[in-house]
C-alpha atoms as a PDB file:
ATOM      1  CA  MET A   1     -13.201  28.204  -8.097  1.00  0.00           C
ATOM      2  CA  MET A   2     -14.271  25.033  -5.979  1.00  0.00           C
ATOM      3  CA  TRP A   3     -17.768  25.090  -7.091  1.00  0.00           C
ATOM      4  CA  GLN A   4     -16.617  24.712 -10.752  1.00  0.00           C
ATOM      5  CA  LYS A   5     -15.386  21.226  -9.878  1.00  0.00           C
ATOM      6  CA  TRP A   6     -18.812  19.913  -8.771  1.00  0.00           C
ATOM      7  CA  ALA A   7     -20.627  22.129 -11.271  1.00  0.00           C
ATOM      8  CA  MET A   8     -20.130  19.659 -14.156  1.00  0.00           C
ATOM      9  CA  ALA A   9     -21.128  16.667 -11.937  1.00  0.00           C
ATOM     10  CA  ALA A  10     -24.368  18.615 -10.860  1.00  0.00           C
ATOM     11  CA  THR A  11     -25.342  19.503 -14.302  1.00  0.00           C
ATOM     12  CA  VAL A  12     -24.985  15.737 -15.429  1.00  0.00           C
ATOM     13  CA  GLY A  13     -27.019  14.618 -12.474  1.00  0.00           C
ATOM     14  CA  LEU A  14     -29.915  17.041 -13.088  1.00  0.00           C
ATOM     15  CA  SER A  15     -30.127  15.658 -16.591  1.00  0.00           C
ATOM     16  CA  MET A  16     -31.141  12.159 -15.466  1.00  0.00           C
ATOM     17  CA  GLY A  17     -33.945  10.950 -13.359  1.00  0.00           C
ATOM     18  CA  ALA A  18     -37.327   9.508 -14.022  1.00  0.00           C
ATOM     19  CA  VAL A  19     -39.692  11.935 -12.547  1.00  0.00           C
ATOM     20  CA  SER A  20     -43.208  11.806 -14.169  1.00  0.00           C
ATOM     21  CA  GLN A  21     -45.695  14.869 -13.954  1.00  0.00           C
ATOM     22  CA  PRO A  22     -49.307  14.072 -14.821  1.00  0.00           C
ATOM     23  CA  GLN A  23     -50.838  15.691 -17.771  1.00  0.00           C
ATOM     24  CA  SER A  24     -54.131  16.293 -16.333  1.00  0.00           C
ATOM     25  CA  GLU A  25     -55.339  15.166 -12.840  1.00  0.00           C
ATOM     26  CA  PRO A  26     -52.762  14.802 -10.051  1.00  0.00           C
ATOM     27  CA  TYR A  27     -51.580  11.300  -9.168  1.00  0.00           C
ATOM     28  CA  GLU A  28     -53.302   9.555  -6.425  1.00  0.00           C
ATOM     29  CA  LYS A  29     -50.056   8.286  -4.799  1.00  0.00           C
ATOM     30  CA  LEU A  30     -46.714  10.331  -4.097  1.00  0.00           C
ATOM     31  CA  SER A  31     -44.530   7.512  -5.449  1.00  0.00           C
ATOM     32  CA  ARG A  32     -46.095   7.933  -8.881  1.00  0.00           C
ATOM     33  CA  TYR A  33     -44.129  11.151  -9.316  1.00  0.00           C
ATOM     34  CA  GLY A  34     -40.730   9.386  -9.007  1.00  0.00           C
ATOM     35  CA  PHE A  35     -39.326  12.467  -7.059  1.00  0.00           C
ATOM     36  CA  PHE A  36     -37.304   9.845  -4.671  1.00  0.00           C
ATOM     37  CA  LYS A  37     -35.592   6.616  -5.401  1.00  0.00           C
ATOM     38  CA  GLY A  38     -35.442   3.469  -3.313  1.00  0.00           C
ATOM     39  CA  GLU A  39     -37.720   3.027  -0.389  1.00  0.00           C
ATOM     40  CA  LEU A  40     -40.025   6.191  -0.492  1.00  0.00           C
ATOM     41  CA  LYS A  41     -39.643   6.935   3.499  1.00  0.00           C
ATOM     42  CA  ASN A  42     -35.857   7.461   3.075  1.00  0.00           C
ATOM     43  CA  LEU A  43     -36.718  10.543   0.938  1.00  0.00           C
ATOM     44  CA  ASP A  44     -33.559   9.936  -1.259  1.00  0.00           C
ATOM     45  CA  PRO A  45     -33.959  12.537  -4.235  1.00  0.00           C
ATOM     46  CA  ALA A  46     -34.010  11.352  -7.640  1.00  0.00           C
ATOM     47  CA  ASP A  47     -30.851  12.642  -9.741  1.00  0.00           C
ATOM     48  CA  ASN A  48     -32.709  15.678 -10.744  1.00  0.00           C
ATOM     49  CA  VAL A  49     -34.452  16.685  -7.626  1.00  0.00           C
ATOM     50  CA  VAL A  50     -32.499  19.119  -5.471  1.00  0.00           C
ATOM     51  CA  PRO A  51     -32.756  19.502  -1.706  1.00  0.00           C
ATOM     52  CA  TYR A  52     -32.893  22.984  -0.477  1.00  0.00           C
ATOM     53  CA  GLU A  53     -32.833  24.674   2.985  1.00  0.00           C
ATOM     54  CA  LEU A  54     -33.965  28.000   4.339  1.00  0.00           C
ATOM     55  CA  ASN A  55     -32.183  30.229   6.842  1.00  0.00           C
ATOM     56  CA  THR A  56     -35.562  30.889   8.593  1.00  0.00           C
ATOM     57  CA  PRO A  57     -38.445  28.433   8.037  1.00  0.00           C
ATOM     58  CA  LEU A  58     -42.065  28.571   8.833  1.00  0.00           C
ATOM     59  CA  PHE A  59     -43.130  27.037  12.154  1.00  0.00           C
ATOM     60  CA  THR A  60     -45.369  24.128  11.910  1.00  0.00           C
ATOM     61  CA  ASP A  61     -45.845  22.538  15.320  1.00  0.00           C
ATOM     62  CA  TYR A  62     -42.125  21.926  15.770  1.00  0.00           C
ATOM     63  CA  ALA A  63     -42.378  19.439  12.571  1.00  0.00           C
ATOM     64  CA  TYR A  64     -39.159  18.941  10.646  1.00  0.00           C
ATOM     65  CA  LYS A  65     -39.168  19.717   6.894  1.00  0.00           C
ATOM     66  CA  ALA A  66     -37.097  17.973   4.270  1.00  0.00           C
ATOM     67  CA  ARG A  67     -37.479  20.223   1.183  1.00  0.00           C
ATOM     68  CA  PHE A  68     -36.674  19.757  -2.532  1.00  0.00           C
ATOM     69  CA  MET A  69     -37.364  21.335  -5.816  1.00  0.00           C
ATOM     70  CA  TYR A  70     -37.778  19.804  -9.293  1.00  0.00           C
ATOM     71  CA  ILE A  71     -37.038  22.178 -12.203  1.00  0.00           C
ATOM     72  CA  PRO A  72     -37.292  20.035 -15.518  1.00  0.00           C
ATOM     73  CA  SER A  73     -36.406  22.896 -17.856  1.00  0.00           C
ATOM     74  CA  GLY A  74     -35.654  26.484 -17.712  1.00  0.00           C
ATOM     75  CA  LYS A  75     -34.393  28.471 -14.934  1.00  0.00           C
ATOM     76  CA  ALA A  76     -35.584  30.063 -11.764  1.00  0.00           C
ATOM     77  CA  LYS A  77     -35.055  33.954 -11.965  1.00  0.00           C
ATOM     78  CA  VAL A  78     -34.279  36.584  -9.453  1.00  0.00           C
ATOM     79  CA  GLU A  79     -36.673  39.467  -9.823  1.00  0.00           C
ATOM     80  CA  SER A  80     -36.078  43.069  -8.796  1.00  0.00           C
ATOM     81  CA  ASP A  81     -37.452  42.370  -5.344  1.00  0.00           C
ATOM     82  CA  LEU A  82     -35.127  39.648  -4.832  1.00  0.00           C
ATOM     83  CA  LYS A  83     -38.054  37.096  -5.092  1.00  0.00           C
ATOM     84  CA  LEU A  84     -37.756  34.050  -7.402  1.00  0.00           C
ATOM     85  CA  SER A  85     -39.861  33.393 -10.294  1.00  0.00           C
ATOM     86  CA  PHE A  86     -39.775  29.707 -11.279  1.00  0.00           C
ATOM     87  CA  PRO A  87     -40.334  28.258 -14.776  1.00  0.00           C
ATOM     88  CA  VAL A  88     -43.512  26.177 -15.563  1.00  0.00           C
ATOM     89  CA  GLY A  89     -42.979  22.679 -14.729  1.00  0.00           C
ATOM     90  CA  THR A  90     -41.173  23.379 -11.443  1.00  0.00           C
ATOM     91  CA  THR A  91     -42.596  21.485  -8.458  1.00  0.00           C
ATOM     92  CA  LEU A  92     -41.518  22.442  -4.808  1.00  0.00           C
ATOM     93  CA  ILE A  93     -41.802  19.497  -2.680  1.00  0.00           C
ATOM     94  CA  LYS A  94     -41.825  19.740   1.337  1.00  0.00           C
ATOM     95  CA  ASN A  95     -42.133  16.791   3.554  1.00  0.00           C
ATOM     96  CA  PHE A  96     -43.121  17.175   7.099  1.00  0.00           C
ATOM     97  CA  TYR A  97     -41.842  14.754   9.734  1.00  0.00           C
ATOM     98  CA  TYR A  98     -41.178  14.241  13.342  1.00  0.00           C
ATOM     99  CA  PRO A  99     -37.910  12.527  14.458  1.00  0.00           C
ATOM    100  CA  GLU A 100     -38.821  10.261  17.312  1.00  0.00           C
ATOM    101  CA  ASP A 101     -36.222  11.883  19.348  1.00  0.00           C
ATOM    102  CA  PHE A 102     -35.363  15.439  18.322  1.00  0.00           C
ATOM    103  CA  ARG A 103     -31.718  15.075  20.147  1.00  0.00           C
ATOM    104  CA  LYS A 104     -31.249  12.100  17.645  1.00  0.00           C
ATOM    105  CA  GLU A 105     -32.319  13.481  14.263  1.00  0.00           C
ATOM    106  CA  THR A 106     -30.916  10.507  12.137  1.00  0.00           C
ATOM    107  CA  GLY A 107     -32.855   8.307  14.240  1.00  0.00           C
ATOM    108  CA  LYS A 108     -36.532   6.846  13.711  1.00  0.00           C
ATOM    109  CA  ARG A 109     -38.908   9.334  12.391  1.00  0.00           C
ATOM    110  CA  ARG A 110     -42.479   9.626  11.330  1.00  0.00           C
ATOM    111  CA  ILE A 111     -43.515  11.352   8.121  1.00  0.00           C
ATOM    112  CA  VAL A 112     -46.934  12.986   8.375  1.00  0.00           C
ATOM    113  CA  GLU A 113     -47.512  14.630   4.978  1.00  0.00           C
ATOM    114  CA  THR A 114     -45.930  15.991   1.823  1.00  0.00           C
ATOM    115  CA  ARG A 115     -47.120  19.001   0.166  1.00  0.00           C
ATOM    116  CA  LEU A 116     -46.484  19.895  -3.540  1.00  0.00           C
ATOM    117  CA  LEU A 117     -46.633  23.126  -5.388  1.00  0.00           C
ATOM    118  CA  ILE A 118     -46.635  22.480  -9.032  1.00  0.00           C
ATOM    119  CA  HIS A 119     -46.177  25.374 -11.500  1.00  0.00           C
ATOM    120  CA  LYS A 120     -48.662  24.746 -14.335  1.00  0.00           C
ATOM    121  CA  PRO A 121     -49.239  27.174 -17.371  1.00  0.00           C
ATOM    122  CA  GLU A 122     -52.382  28.581 -15.515  1.00  0.00           C
ATOM    123  CA  GLY A 123     -50.531  29.086 -12.379  1.00  0.00           C
ATOM    124  CA  TRP A 124     -49.510  27.282  -9.116  1.00  0.00           C
ATOM    125  CA  ASP A 125     -51.421  24.188  -7.781  1.00  0.00           C
ATOM    126  CA  ALA A 126     -51.168  23.114  -4.224  1.00  0.00           C
ATOM    127  CA  LEU A 127     -51.475  19.508  -3.299  1.00  0.00           C
ATOM    128  CA  THR A 128     -51.282  17.487  -0.165  1.00  0.00           C
ATOM    129  CA  TYR A 129     -50.334  13.964   0.270  1.00  0.00           C
ATOM    130  CA  VAL A 130     -50.748  12.210   3.712  1.00  0.00           C
ATOM    131  CA  TRP A 131     -48.501   9.253   4.677  1.00  0.00           C
ATOM    132  CA  ASN A 132     -49.777   5.816   5.552  1.00  0.00           C
ATOM    133  CA  ALA A 133     -48.887   4.193   8.937  1.00  0.00           C
ATOM    134  CA  GLU A 134     -46.634   1.845   7.377  1.00  0.00           C
ATOM    135  CA  GLN A 135     -44.535   4.861   5.777  1.00  0.00           C
ATOM    136  CA  THR A 136     -44.493   3.201   2.457  1.00  0.00           C
ATOM    137  CA  ASP A 137     -46.737   5.791   0.511  1.00  0.00           C
ATOM    138  CA  ALA A 138     -48.659   8.867   0.589  1.00  0.00           C
ATOM    139  CA  GLU A 139     -52.313   9.380  -0.753  1.00  0.00           C
ATOM    140  CA  LEU A 140     -53.792  12.552  -2.236  1.00  0.00           C
ATOM    141  CA  ASP A 141     -55.851  14.427   0.383  1.00  0.00           C
ATOM    142  CA  TYR A 142     -58.035  17.518  -0.529  1.00  0.00           C
ATOM    143  CA  ALA A 143     -60.074  17.527   2.623  1.00  0.00           C
ATOM    144  CA  GLY A 144     -57.396  17.849   5.168  1.00  0.00           C
ATOM    145  CA  ASP A 145     -56.777  15.554   8.270  1.00  0.00           C
ATOM    146  CA  GLU A 146     -55.721  15.401  11.950  1.00  0.00           C
ATOM    147  CA  PHE A 147     -53.040  13.228  13.691  1.00  0.00           C
ATOM    148  CA  ASP A 148     -51.880  12.924  17.172  1.00  0.00           C
ATOM    149  CA  VAL A 149     -48.020  13.272  16.946  1.00  0.00           C
ATOM    150  CA  LYS A 150     -45.448  12.753  19.848  1.00  0.00           C
ATOM    151  CA  TRP A 151     -41.700  13.295  20.151  1.00  0.00           C
ATOM    152  CA  VAL A 152     -38.879  13.570  22.635  1.00  0.00           C
ATOM    153  CA  HIS A 153     -38.057  17.352  22.663  1.00  0.00           C
ATOM    154  CA  TYR A 154     -34.589  18.908  22.812  1.00  0.00           C
ATOM    155  CA  ASP A 155     -34.850  18.856  26.640  1.00  0.00           C
ATOM    156  CA  GLY A 156     -35.482  15.354  26.988  1.00  0.00           C
ATOM    157  CA  LYS A 157     -39.132  15.634  27.823  1.00  0.00           C
ATOM    158  CA  GLU A 158     -41.895  14.016  25.860  1.00  0.00           C
ATOM    159  CA  ARG A 159     -44.475  16.289  24.022  1.00  0.00           C
ATOM    160  CA  SER A 160     -47.287  15.709  21.763  1.00  0.00           C
ATOM    161  CA  ALA A 161     -49.518  17.779  19.374  1.00  0.00           C
ATOM    162  CA  ASN A 162     -52.685  17.550  17.581  1.00  0.00           C
ATOM    163  CA  TYR A 163     -51.154  17.951  13.912  1.00  0.00           C
ATOM    164  CA  VAL A 164     -53.525  19.138  11.308  1.00  0.00           C
ATOM    165  CA  VAL A 165     -53.098  18.683   7.639  1.00  0.00           C
ATOM    166  CA  PRO A 166     -54.675  21.734   5.845  1.00  0.00           C
ATOM    167  CA  ASN A 167     -57.325  21.231   3.180  1.00  0.00           C
ATOM    168  CA  LYS A 168     -56.785  22.604  -0.253  1.00  0.00           C
ATOM    169  CA  ASN A 169     -58.495  25.980   0.503  1.00  0.00           C
ATOM    170  CA  GLN A 170     -56.473  26.480   3.531  1.00  0.00           C
ATOM    171  CA  CYS A 171     -53.217  25.773   1.522  1.00  0.00           C
ATOM    172  CA  LYS A 172     -54.355  28.429  -1.097  1.00  0.00           C
ATOM    173  CA  GLY A 173     -55.136  30.892   1.723  1.00  0.00           C
ATOM    174  CA  CYS A 174     -51.601  30.890   3.054  1.00  0.00           C
ATOM    175  CA  HIS A 175     -50.062  30.923  -0.454  1.00  0.00           C
ATOM    176  CA  GLU A 176     -52.324  33.720  -1.955  1.00  0.00           C
ATOM    177  CA  THR A 177     -50.657  37.003  -3.035  1.00  0.00           C
ATOM    178  CA  SER A 178     -52.511  39.426  -5.085  1.00  0.00           C
ATOM    179  CA  LYS A 179     -55.158  36.612  -5.591  1.00  0.00           C
ATOM    180  CA  LYS A 180     -52.570  34.303  -6.907  1.00  0.00           C
ATOM    181  CA  VAL A 181     -51.024  31.226  -5.335  1.00  0.00           C
ATOM    182  CA  VAL A 182     -47.239  31.605  -5.102  1.00  0.00           C
ATOM    183  CA  PRO A 183     -44.358  30.004  -3.185  1.00  0.00           C
ATOM    184  CA  ILE A 184     -43.485  31.740   0.249  1.00  0.00           C
ATOM    185  CA  GLY A 185     -40.137  30.282   1.617  1.00  0.00           C
ATOM    186  CA  PRO A 186     -37.829  29.908  -1.356  1.00  0.00           C
ATOM    187  CA  THR A 187     -36.760  33.595  -1.689  1.00  0.00           C
ATOM    188  CA  VAL A 188     -33.140  34.077  -3.109  1.00  0.00           C
ATOM    189  CA  ARG A 189     -32.242  35.592   0.240  1.00  0.00           C
ATOM    190  CA  ASN A 190     -33.718  32.849   2.297  1.00  0.00           C
ATOM    191  CA  LEU A 191     -31.838  30.412   0.145  1.00  0.00           C
ATOM    192  CA  ASN A 192     -28.630  32.176   0.689  1.00  0.00           C
ATOM    193  CA  ARG A 193     -26.794  29.572   2.832  1.00  0.00           C
ATOM    194  CA  LYS A 194     -24.524  26.419   2.582  1.00  0.00           C
ATOM    195  CA  ASN A 195     -26.838  23.300   2.219  1.00  0.00           C
ATOM    196  CA  THR A 196     -26.028  20.685   4.832  1.00  0.00           C
ATOM    197  CA  VAL A 197     -27.151  17.784   2.405  1.00  0.00           C
ATOM    198  CA  LEU A 198     -25.131  18.845  -0.700  1.00  0.00           C
ATOM    199  CA  GLY A 199     -22.199  20.183   1.574  1.00  0.00           C
ATOM    200  CA  VAL A 200     -21.889  23.470  -0.595  1.00  0.00           C
ATOM    201  CA  HIS A 201     -23.668  26.673  -0.928  1.00  0.00           C
ATOM    202  CA  GLN A 202     -26.991  26.125  -2.563  1.00  0.00           C
ATOM    203  CA  ILE A 203     -27.115  29.496  -4.615  1.00  0.00           C
ATOM    204  CA  GLU A 204     -23.733  28.643  -6.156  1.00  0.00           C
ATOM    205  CA  TYR A 205     -25.084  25.070  -6.768  1.00  0.00           C
ATOM    206  CA  LEU A 206     -28.242  25.979  -8.557  1.00  0.00           C
ATOM    207  CA  TYR A 207     -26.420  28.640 -10.568  1.00  0.00           C
ATOM    208  CA  ALA A 208     -23.729  26.176 -11.599  1.00  0.00           C
ATOM    209  CA  SER A 209     -26.346  23.521 -12.470  1.00  0.00           C
ATOM    210  CA  GLN A 210     -27.888  26.124 -14.931  1.00  0.00           C
ATOM    211  CA  LYS A 211     -31.132  25.991 -12.691  1.00  0.00           C
ATOM    212  CA  LEU A 212     -30.818  29.667 -11.495  1.00  0.00           C
ATOM    213  CA  ASP A 213     -30.620  33.076 -13.482  1.00  0.00           C
ATOM    214  CA  LEU A 214     -29.128  35.596 -11.284  1.00  0.00           C
ATOM    215  CA  GLY A 215     -30.239  38.313 -13.590  1.00  0.00           C
ATOM    216  CA  GLY A 216     -26.994  40.083 -13.588  1.00  0.00           C
ATOM    217  CA  LEU A 217     -26.491  39.957  -9.791  1.00  0.00           C
ATOM    218  CA  LYS A 218     -23.076  38.904  -8.392  1.00  0.00           C
ATOM    219  CA  LEU A 219     -23.208  35.969  -6.108  1.00  0.00           C
ATOM    220  CA  GLU A 220     -21.512  37.947  -3.315  1.00  0.00           C
ATOM    221  CA  SER A 221     -23.927  40.907  -3.570  1.00  0.00           C
ATOM    222  CA  ILE A 222     -27.049  38.772  -2.868  1.00  0.00           C
ATOM    223  CA  PRO A 223     -28.286  39.712   0.882  1.00  0.00           C
ATOM    224  CA  VAL A 224     -28.514  37.009   3.191  1.00  0.00           C
ATOM    225  CA  PHE A 225     -31.726  36.575   5.101  1.00  0.00           C
ATOM    226  CA  PRO A 226     -31.196  36.335   9.008  1.00  0.00           C
ATOM    227  CA  VAL A 227     -31.160  33.104  10.859  1.00  0.00           C
ATOM    228  CA  TRP A 228     -33.869  33.744  13.477  1.00  0.00           C
ATOM    229  CA  ASP A 229     -32.225  31.451  16.187  1.00  0.00           C
ATOM    230  CA  ASP A 230     -28.497  32.485  15.458  1.00  0.00           C
ATOM    231  CA  GLU A 231     -27.675  34.975  18.258  1.00  0.00           C
ATOM    232  CA  LYS A 232     -24.042  35.160  17.388  1.00  0.00           C
ATOM    233  CA  LYS A 233     -24.331  36.464  13.688  1.00  0.00           C
ATOM    234  CA  TRP A 234     -27.662  38.520  13.874  1.00  0.00           C
ATOM    235  CA  ASN A 235     -29.072  41.066  16.405  1.00  0.00           C
ATOM    236  CA  LEU A 236     -32.314  40.885  18.016  1.00  0.00           C
ATOM    237  CA  ASP A 237     -34.160  43.277  15.799  1.00  0.00           C
ATOM    238  CA  GLU A 238     -32.923  41.188  12.577  1.00  0.00           C
ATOM    239  CA  ARG A 239     -33.874  37.826  14.041  1.00  0.00           C
ATOM    240  CA  ALA A 240     -37.313  38.911  15.428  1.00  0.00           C
ATOM    241  CA  ARG A 241     -38.108  40.671  12.148  1.00  0.00           C
ATOM    242  CA  ALA A 242     -37.033  37.596   9.988  1.00  0.00           C
ATOM    243  CA  TRP A 243     -39.249  35.275  12.131  1.00  0.00           C
ATOM    244  CA  LEU A 244     -42.234  37.643  11.756  1.00  0.00           C
ATOM    245  CA  ASP A 245     -41.651  37.912   8.031  1.00  0.00           C
ATOM    246  CA  VAL A 246     -41.690  34.145   7.481  1.00  0.00           C
ATOM    247  CA  ASN A 247     -44.503  33.206  10.064  1.00  0.00           C
ATOM    248  CA  CYS A 248     -46.785  36.307   9.400  1.00  0.00           C
ATOM    249  CA  ALA A 249     -45.977  38.457   6.243  1.00  0.00           C
ATOM    250  CA  HIS A 250     -47.209  36.195   3.854  1.00  0.00           C
ATOM    251  CA  CYS A 251     -50.632  37.353   5.094  1.00  0.00           C
ATOM    252  CA  HIS A 252     -49.659  40.715   6.531  1.00  0.00           C
ATOM    253  CA  ASN A 253     -48.249  42.671   3.679  1.00  0.00           C
ATOM    254  CA  PRO A 254     -50.051  45.078   1.331  1.00  0.00           C
ATOM    255  CA  ASP A 255     -50.879  42.397  -1.316  1.00  0.00           C
ATOM    256  CA  GLY A 256     -51.820  39.477   1.427  1.00  0.00           C
ATOM    257  CA  PRO A 257     -55.210  38.326   2.645  1.00  0.00           C
ATOM    258  CA  ALA A 258     -54.756  40.314   5.757  1.00  0.00           C
ATOM    259  CA  ASN A 259     -53.738  43.642   4.127  1.00  0.00           C
ATOM    260  CA  THR A 260     -56.952  45.219   5.898  1.00  0.00           C
ATOM    261  CA  SER A 261     -55.196  45.006   9.331  1.00  0.00           C
ATOM    262  CA  GLY A 262     -52.813  47.809   8.128  1.00  0.00           C
ATOM    263  CA  LEU A 263     -50.039  45.696   9.345  1.00  0.00           C
ATOM    264  CA  ASP A 264     -47.067  45.116   7.275  1.00  0.00           C
ATOM    265  CA  LEU A 265     -44.594  42.569   8.700  1.00  0.00           C
ATOM    266  CA  SER A 266     -42.267  42.045   5.766  1.00  0.00           C
ATOM    267  CA  PHE A 267     -38.758  42.194   6.759  1.00  0.00           C
ATOM    268  CA  ASP A 268     -37.990  45.242   4.581  1.00  0.00           C
ATOM    269  CA  GLN A 269     -40.700  47.276   5.984  1.00  0.00           C
ATOM    270  CA  LYS A 270     -39.278  50.481   7.698  1.00  0.00           C
ATOM    271  CA  ASP A 271     -42.225  52.294   8.755  1.00  0.00           C
ATOM    272  CA  PRO A 272     -42.751  51.862  12.395  1.00  0.00           C
ATOM    273  CA  GLY A 273     -46.706  52.354  12.184  1.00  0.00           C
ATOM    274  CA  LYS A 274     -46.748  49.636   9.450  1.00  0.00           C
ATOM    275  CA  ILE A 275     -44.879  47.222  11.379  1.00  0.00           C
ATOM    276  CA  GLY A 276     -47.347  48.039  14.210  1.00  0.00           C
ATOM    277  CA  ILE A 277     -45.282  49.877  16.568  1.00  0.00           C
ATOM    278  CA  CYS A 278     -47.358  52.279  18.609  1.00  0.00           C
ATOM    279  CA  LYS A 279     -50.232  51.429  16.154  1.00  0.00           C
ATOM    280  CA  VAL A 280     -53.982  51.414  17.148  1.00  0.00           C
ATOM    281  CA  PRO A 281     -55.663  48.356  15.563  1.00  0.00           C
ATOM    282  CA  ILE A 282     -58.180  49.168  12.557  1.00  0.00           C
ATOM    283  CA  ALA A 283     -60.752  46.659  14.065  1.00  0.00           C
ATOM    284  CA  ALA A 284     -61.085  46.152  17.821  1.00  0.00           C
ATOM    285  CA  GLY A 285     -62.708  42.672  18.826  1.00  0.00           C
ATOM    286  CA  ARG A 286     -61.816  39.384  20.655  1.00  0.00           C
ATOM    287  CA  GLY A 287     -58.655  39.352  18.793  1.00  0.00           C
ATOM    288  CA  SER A 288     -57.476  42.591  20.246  1.00  0.00           C
ATOM    289  CA  GLY A 289     -57.706  41.176  23.809  1.00  0.00           C
ATOM    290  CA  GLY A 290     -59.002  44.701  24.892  1.00  0.00           C
ATOM    291  CA  LEU A 291     -55.402  45.945  24.206  1.00  0.00           C
ATOM    292  CA  HIS A 292     -54.864  49.377  22.462  1.00  0.00           C
ATOM    293  CA  PHE A 293     -51.584  49.010  20.350  1.00  0.00           C
ATOM    294  CA  ASP A 294     -50.539  46.242  18.061  1.00  0.00           C
ATOM    295  CA  ILE A 295     -47.116  46.902  19.469  1.00  0.00           C
ATOM    296  CA  LEU A 296     -46.493  48.869  22.774  1.00  0.00           C
ATOM    297  CA  PRO A 297     -42.776  49.393  23.125  1.00  0.00           C
ATOM    298  CA  GLY A 298     -41.220  47.978  26.332  1.00  0.00           C
ATOM    299  CA  ASN A 299     -44.491  45.897  26.993  1.00  0.00           C
ATOM    300  CA  PRO A 300     -45.098  42.805  25.171  1.00  0.00           C
ATOM    301  CA  GLU A 301     -47.934  41.801  27.576  1.00  0.00           C
ATOM    302  CA  GLN A 302     -49.728  45.102  26.344  1.00  0.00           C
ATOM    303  CA  SER A 303     -49.271  44.447  22.679  1.00  0.00           C
ATOM    304  CA  ILE A 304     -51.779  42.728  20.630  1.00  0.00           C
ATOM    305  CA  VAL A 305     -49.142  41.125  18.333  1.00  0.00           C
ATOM    306  CA  TYR A 306     -47.757  39.012  21.271  1.00  0.00           C
ATOM    307  CA  TYR A 307     -51.243  38.631  22.780  1.00  0.00           C
ATOM    308  CA  ARG A 308     -52.155  36.684  19.505  1.00  0.00           C
ATOM    309  CA  LEU A 309     -49.010  34.625  19.174  1.00  0.00           C
ATOM    310  CA  ILE A 310     -49.467  33.225  22.738  1.00  0.00           C
ATOM    311  CA  SER A 311     -52.956  32.127  22.172  1.00  0.00           C
ATOM    312  CA  ASN A 312     -54.345  28.940  20.990  1.00  0.00           C
ATOM    313  CA  ASP A 313     -57.985  30.012  20.708  1.00  0.00           C
ATOM    314  CA  PRO A 314     -58.964  29.860  16.970  1.00  0.00           C
ATOM    315  CA  GLY A 315     -60.644  33.137  17.129  1.00  0.00           C
ATOM    316  CA  ILE A 316     -57.564  34.929  18.469  1.00  0.00           C
ATOM    317  CA  MET A 317     -54.415  32.848  17.534  1.00  0.00           C
ATOM    318  CA  MET A 318     -51.904  34.123  15.068  1.00  0.00           C
ATOM    319  CA  PRO A 319     -51.002  32.632  12.654  1.00  0.00           C
ATOM    320  CA  GLU A 320     -54.490  31.347  12.110  1.00  0.00           C
ATOM    321  CA  LEU A 321     -53.414  28.169  10.196  1.00  0.00           C
ATOM    322  CA  GLY A 322     -50.296  25.920  10.291  1.00  0.00           C
ATOM    323  CA  ARG A 323     -50.195  25.454  14.001  1.00  0.00           C
ATOM    324  CA  THR A 324     -51.885  24.086  17.155  1.00  0.00           C
ATOM    325  CA  THR A 325     -48.991  24.693  19.717  1.00  0.00           C
ATOM    326  CA  ILE A 326     -47.086  27.716  20.437  1.00  0.00           C
ATOM    327  CA  HIS A 327     -43.767  28.164  19.230  1.00  0.00           C
ATOM    328  CA  GLU A 328     -42.145  28.953  22.439  1.00  0.00           C
ATOM    329  CA  GLU A 329     -38.729  30.137  21.429  1.00  0.00           C
ATOM    330  CA  GLY A 330     -40.211  32.209  18.384  1.00  0.00           C
ATOM    331  CA  VAL A 331     -42.641  33.965  20.757  1.00  0.00           C
ATOM    332  CA  LYS A 332     -39.969  34.625  23.361  1.00  0.00           C
ATOM    333  CA  LEU A 333     -37.889  36.357  20.532  1.00  0.00           C
ATOM    334  CA  VAL A 334     -40.685  38.596  19.609  1.00  0.00           C
ATOM    335  CA  ALA A 335     -41.318  39.398  23.494  1.00  0.00           C
ATOM    336  CA  ASP A 336     -37.719  40.206  23.961  1.00  0.00           C
ATOM    337  CA  TRP A 337     -37.745  42.401  20.753  1.00  0.00           C
ATOM    338  CA  ILE A 338     -40.775  44.257  21.936  1.00  0.00           C
ATOM    339  CA  ALA A 339     -39.311  44.619  25.532  1.00  0.00           C
ATOM    340  CA  ALA A 340     -36.191  46.254  24.260  1.00  0.00           C
ATOM    341  CA  MET A 341     -38.107  48.735  22.375  1.00  0.00           C
ATOM    342  CA  THR A 342     -38.635  52.478  23.802  1.00  0.00           C
ATOM    343  CA  GLU A 343     -41.064  55.020  22.949  1.00  0.00           C
ATOM    344  CA  SER A 344     -38.326  56.635  20.460  1.00  0.00           C
ATOM    345  CA  ASP A 345     -38.918  53.390  18.303  1.00  0.00           C
ATOM    346  CA  CYS A 346     -42.465  54.870  17.412  1.00  0.00           C
ATOM    347  CA  LYS A 347     -41.057  57.736  15.372  1.00  0.00           C
ATOM    348  CA  LYS A 348     -37.913  55.965  13.451  1.00  0.00           C
END
């Protein structure tokens, strides 16, 4: 197979590099880890740092994200629920940046922050590094920060946002499942795609590089997570459910911090009531907007889920963290999905 030709090169490349992990306290500066070579702002990965992409990513005020993973030894394993368990020593690296002009992605850009998830023997540790104005390095920040960011949007119009860097407790809150900090985005299904940087399928790449244990699964049998904005390949229900899964289900699931809501917005949830269709909210209040159903088929304006997605009020908005602006395209997708429902969807 074609991937066998580059598998040997991948394995050799991953055995090299000068990544350094601190033994106790984290480094104060991002550059100390050695995840990138050359000028740090170029985000050129060291030889044993692998770029990865997601089919449907989390929305964060329209920020672009350059993602990488470092697995120094061992293999990530596919679990029975198709989630990935990563070996101790793994670091997931996510860089948040804004191109000056979204129509020219390779042009000038501003990197705002880099978030690390480091898998230690006692569990995952979330760290945030804020970039300086010169774009030469990023410093460890536990307290969080705020920045005004500007860019030219896809439509040619200038936009801005008050970008919020989360504090350590907020990072923990989003990544917490069953009271443990865990990665959210890189599931085997959401990684099931061709990588635009590598030019090859990234699941095959990780497998050939001996960084992924498929647990007996055949490559061709791994399901693909829908791409939320690909109307040609995925239907409306698949795209909306994928968007809700990535943006909401890390809290709204039986083991998540919002489990008391009774909502389970996980992609695989089939029960209409748990998804919120024709469901009366467990707790009424300002967050419900005086509305009577989480999702009212055919009527997004009378649906609490939609009401909270279009709000920027801290006491109403959902998600609660990670955005200060409304994801217009994502919200429209959810509205179209609700509008297309009929009363019969309550009983499916």
